[in-house]
C-alpha atoms as a PDB file:
ATOM      1  CA  MET A   1     -16.559   8.438 -15.224  1.00  0.00           C
ATOM      2  CA  SER A   2     -15.799  11.587 -13.227  1.00  0.00           C
ATOM      3  CA  ILE A   3     -12.715  13.769 -13.638  1.00  0.00           C
ATOM      4  CA  LYS A   4     -11.572  12.479 -10.260  1.00  0.00           C
ATOM      5  CA  ASP A   5     -11.753   8.866 -11.520  1.00  0.00           C
ATOM      6  CA  ILE A   6      -9.889   9.784 -14.714  1.00  0.00           C
ATOM      7  CA  LEU A   7      -7.166  11.561 -12.742  1.00  0.00           C
ATOM      8  CA  LYS A   8      -6.898   8.689 -10.292  1.00  0.00           C
ATOM      9  CA  SER A   9      -6.567   6.194 -13.129  1.00  0.00           C
ATOM     10  CA  SER A  10      -4.023   8.332 -15.015  1.00  0.00           C
ATOM     11  CA  PHE A  11      -1.971   8.952 -11.912  1.00  0.00           C
ATOM     12  CA  SER A  12      -2.035   5.253 -11.045  1.00  0.00           C
ATOM     13  CA  ARG A  13      -0.714   4.322 -14.518  1.00  0.00           C
ATOM     14  CA  PHE A  14       1.924   7.047 -14.256  1.00  0.00           C
ATOM     15  CA  GLN A  15       2.965   5.842 -10.816  1.00  0.00           C
ATOM     16  CA  HIS A  16       3.220   2.217 -11.969  1.00  0.00           C
ATOM     17  CA  GLY A  17       5.408   3.337 -14.872  1.00  0.00           C
ATOM     18  CA  VAL A  18       7.726   5.165 -12.492  1.00  0.00           C
ATOM     19  CA  LEU A  19       7.873   2.109 -10.239  1.00  0.00           C
ATOM     20  CA  ASP A  20       8.989  -0.016 -13.191  1.00  0.00           C
ATOM     21  CA  ILE A  21      12.154   2.059 -13.639  1.00  0.00           C
ATOM     22  CA  GLN A  22      15.196  -0.101 -13.104  1.00  0.00           C
ATOM     23  CA  ALA A  23      18.199   1.569 -11.546  1.00  0.00           C
ATOM     24  CA  GLU A  24      21.657   0.877 -12.855  1.00  0.00           C
ATOM     25  CA  ARG A  25      24.612   2.230 -10.959  1.00  0.00           C
ATOM     26  CA  ASP A  26      27.841   2.895 -12.766  1.00  0.00           C
ATOM     27  CA  SER A  27      30.197   5.761 -13.527  1.00  0.00           C
ATOM     28  CA  LYS A  28      28.396   6.582 -16.789  1.00  0.00           C
ATOM     29  CA  ASN A  29      25.002   7.404 -15.305  1.00  0.00           C
ATOM     30  CA  ARG A  30      26.174   9.668 -12.493  1.00  0.00           C
ATOM     31  CA  ALA A  31      24.722   7.396  -9.799  1.00  0.00           C
ATOM     32  CA  GLY A  32      24.233   9.319  -6.592  1.00  0.00           C
ATOM     33  CA  GLU A  33      24.388  12.740  -8.250  1.00  0.00           C
ATOM     34  CA  ASP A  34      21.334  14.947  -8.649  1.00  0.00           C
ATOM     35  CA  LEU A  35      18.660  12.298  -8.450  1.00  0.00           C
ATOM     36  CA  PRO A  36      15.710  13.099 -10.710  1.00  0.00           C
ATOM     37  CA  PRO A  37      12.349  14.002  -9.180  1.00  0.00           C
ATOM     38  CA  VAL A  38      10.126  10.948  -8.829  1.00  0.00           C
ATOM     39  CA  LEU A  39       7.596  11.716  -6.099  1.00  0.00           C
ATOM     40  CA  PRO A  40       4.352  13.494  -6.992  1.00  0.00           C
ATOM     41  CA  ASN A  41       5.203  16.524  -4.838  1.00  0.00           C
ATOM     42  CA  GLN A  42       8.528  16.779  -6.708  1.00  0.00           C
ATOM     43  CA  LEU A  43       7.083  16.173 -10.179  1.00  0.00           C
ATOM     44  CA  VAL A  44       4.525  18.987  -9.930  1.00  0.00           C
ATOM     45  CA  LYS A  45       7.376  21.446  -9.329  1.00  0.00           C
ATOM     46  CA  VAL A  46       9.130  20.507 -12.581  1.00  0.00           C
ATOM     47  CA  THR A  47       8.228  22.515 -15.672  1.00  0.00           C
ATOM     48  CA  GLY A  48       7.333  20.688 -18.868  1.00  0.00           C
ATOM     49  CA  ARG A  49      10.559  21.799 -20.526  1.00  0.00           C
ATOM     50  CA  ASP A  50      12.703  20.666 -17.602  1.00  0.00           C
ATOM     51  CA  PHE A  51      10.861  17.335 -17.454  1.00  0.00           C
ATOM     52  CA  ILE A  52      11.514  16.743 -21.154  1.00  0.00           C
ATOM     53  CA  ASN A  53      15.201  17.534 -20.562  1.00  0.00           C
ATOM     54  CA  ILE A  54      15.312  15.010 -17.698  1.00  0.00           C
ATOM     55  CA  VAL A  55      13.651  12.317 -19.814  1.00  0.00           C
ATOM     56  CA  SER A  56      15.967  13.107 -22.739  1.00  0.00           C
ATOM     57  CA  TRP A  57      19.008  12.779 -20.500  1.00  0.00           C
ATOM     58  CA  HIS A  58      17.825   9.360 -19.270  1.00  0.00           C
ATOM     59  CA  ARG A  59      16.357   8.152 -22.585  1.00  0.00           C
ATOM     60  CA  PRO A  60      19.326   5.945 -23.604  1.00  0.00           C
ATOM     61  CA  HIS A  61      19.041   4.079 -20.329  1.00  0.00           C
ATOM     62  CA  LEU A  62      15.233   3.920 -20.407  1.00  0.00           C
ATOM     63  CA  GLU A  63      15.311   2.493 -23.937  1.00  0.00           C
ATOM     64  CA  LYS A  64      17.110  -0.568 -22.569  1.00  0.00           C
ATOM     65  CA  PHE A  65      13.957  -1.497 -20.649  1.00  0.00           C
ATOM     66  CA  TRP A  66      11.017   0.395 -22.193  1.00  0.00           C
ATOM     67  CA  GLU A  67       9.511   0.783 -25.635  1.00  0.00           C
ATOM     68  CA  PRO A  68       9.929   4.303 -27.106  1.00  0.00           C
ATOM     69  CA  ILE A  69       6.158   4.838 -27.015  1.00  0.00           C
ATOM     70  CA  SER A  70       6.151   4.179 -23.259  1.00  0.00           C
ATOM     71  CA  ILE A  71       8.868   6.779 -22.751  1.00  0.00           C
ATOM     72  CA  ASP A  72       6.909   9.292 -24.818  1.00  0.00           C
ATOM     73  CA  LYS A  73       3.837   8.598 -22.675  1.00  0.00           C
ATOM     74  CA  ILE A  74       5.753   9.686 -19.577  1.00  0.00           C
ATOM     75  CA  GLU A  75       6.026  13.185 -21.016  1.00  0.00           C
ATOM     76  CA  SER A  76       2.311  13.411 -21.833  1.00  0.00           C
ATOM     77  CA  GLN A  77       1.396  11.988 -18.422  1.00  0.00           C
ATOM     78  CA  HIS A  78       3.537  14.617 -16.721  1.00  0.00           C
ATOM     79  CA  LYS A  79       1.743  17.322 -18.670  1.00  0.00           C
ATOM     80  CA  LYS A  80      -1.639  15.886 -17.587  1.00  0.00           C
ATOM     81  CA  LEU A  81      -0.427  15.755 -13.992  1.00  0.00           C
ATOM     82  CA  LEU A  82       0.517  19.448 -14.101  1.00  0.00           C
ATOM     83  CA  VAL A  83      -2.818  20.452 -15.629  1.00  0.00           C
ATOM     84  CA  ALA A  84      -4.715  18.437 -13.032  1.00  0.00           C
ATOM     85  CA  TYR A  85      -2.558  19.741 -10.188  1.00  0.00           C
ATOM     86  CA  HIS A  86      -3.244  23.344 -11.127  1.00  0.00           C
ATOM     87  CA  SER A  87      -6.950  22.862 -11.837  1.00  0.00           C
ATOM     88  CA  GLU A  88      -8.064  20.336  -9.211  1.00  0.00           C
ATOM     89  CA  PRO A  89      -7.867  21.629  -5.619  1.00  0.00           C
ATOM     90  CA  LEU A  90      -8.468  18.147  -4.181  1.00  0.00           C
ATOM     91  CA  LEU A  91      -5.502  16.698  -6.070  1.00  0.00           C
ATOM     92  CA  LYS A  92      -3.317  19.664  -5.142  1.00  0.00           C
ATOM     93  CA  SER A  93      -4.211  19.212  -1.491  1.00  0.00           C
ATOM     94  CA  ALA A  94      -3.542  15.461  -1.594  1.00  0.00           C
ATOM     95  CA  ILE A  95      -0.116  15.953  -3.195  1.00  0.00           C
ATOM     96  CA  PHE A  96       0.798  18.842  -0.903  1.00  0.00           C
ATOM     97  CA  HIS A  97      -0.124  16.900   2.262  1.00  0.00           C
ATOM     98  CA  GLN A  98       1.503  13.574   1.438  1.00  0.00           C
END
């Protein structure tokens, strides 16, 4: 399996996880304010620390629908995305030109 196949598979799992997020709109979750980054070209601009802060902010809501291990995986998948983005020119080009 090539690095490209591994990245494609990892990104696909990450993307499916993001697509499974269920939105809830109410006064408690600041619906409509400062929407979190969700697109690949937005996610690669978020530092690891900022991403962890975003996930931590949304964790109580995420825990209503996801297992804690799945939420933790989001953080490690973001880190892998950043590493791949900065080390794989083909991936960087694909994300930049979407």
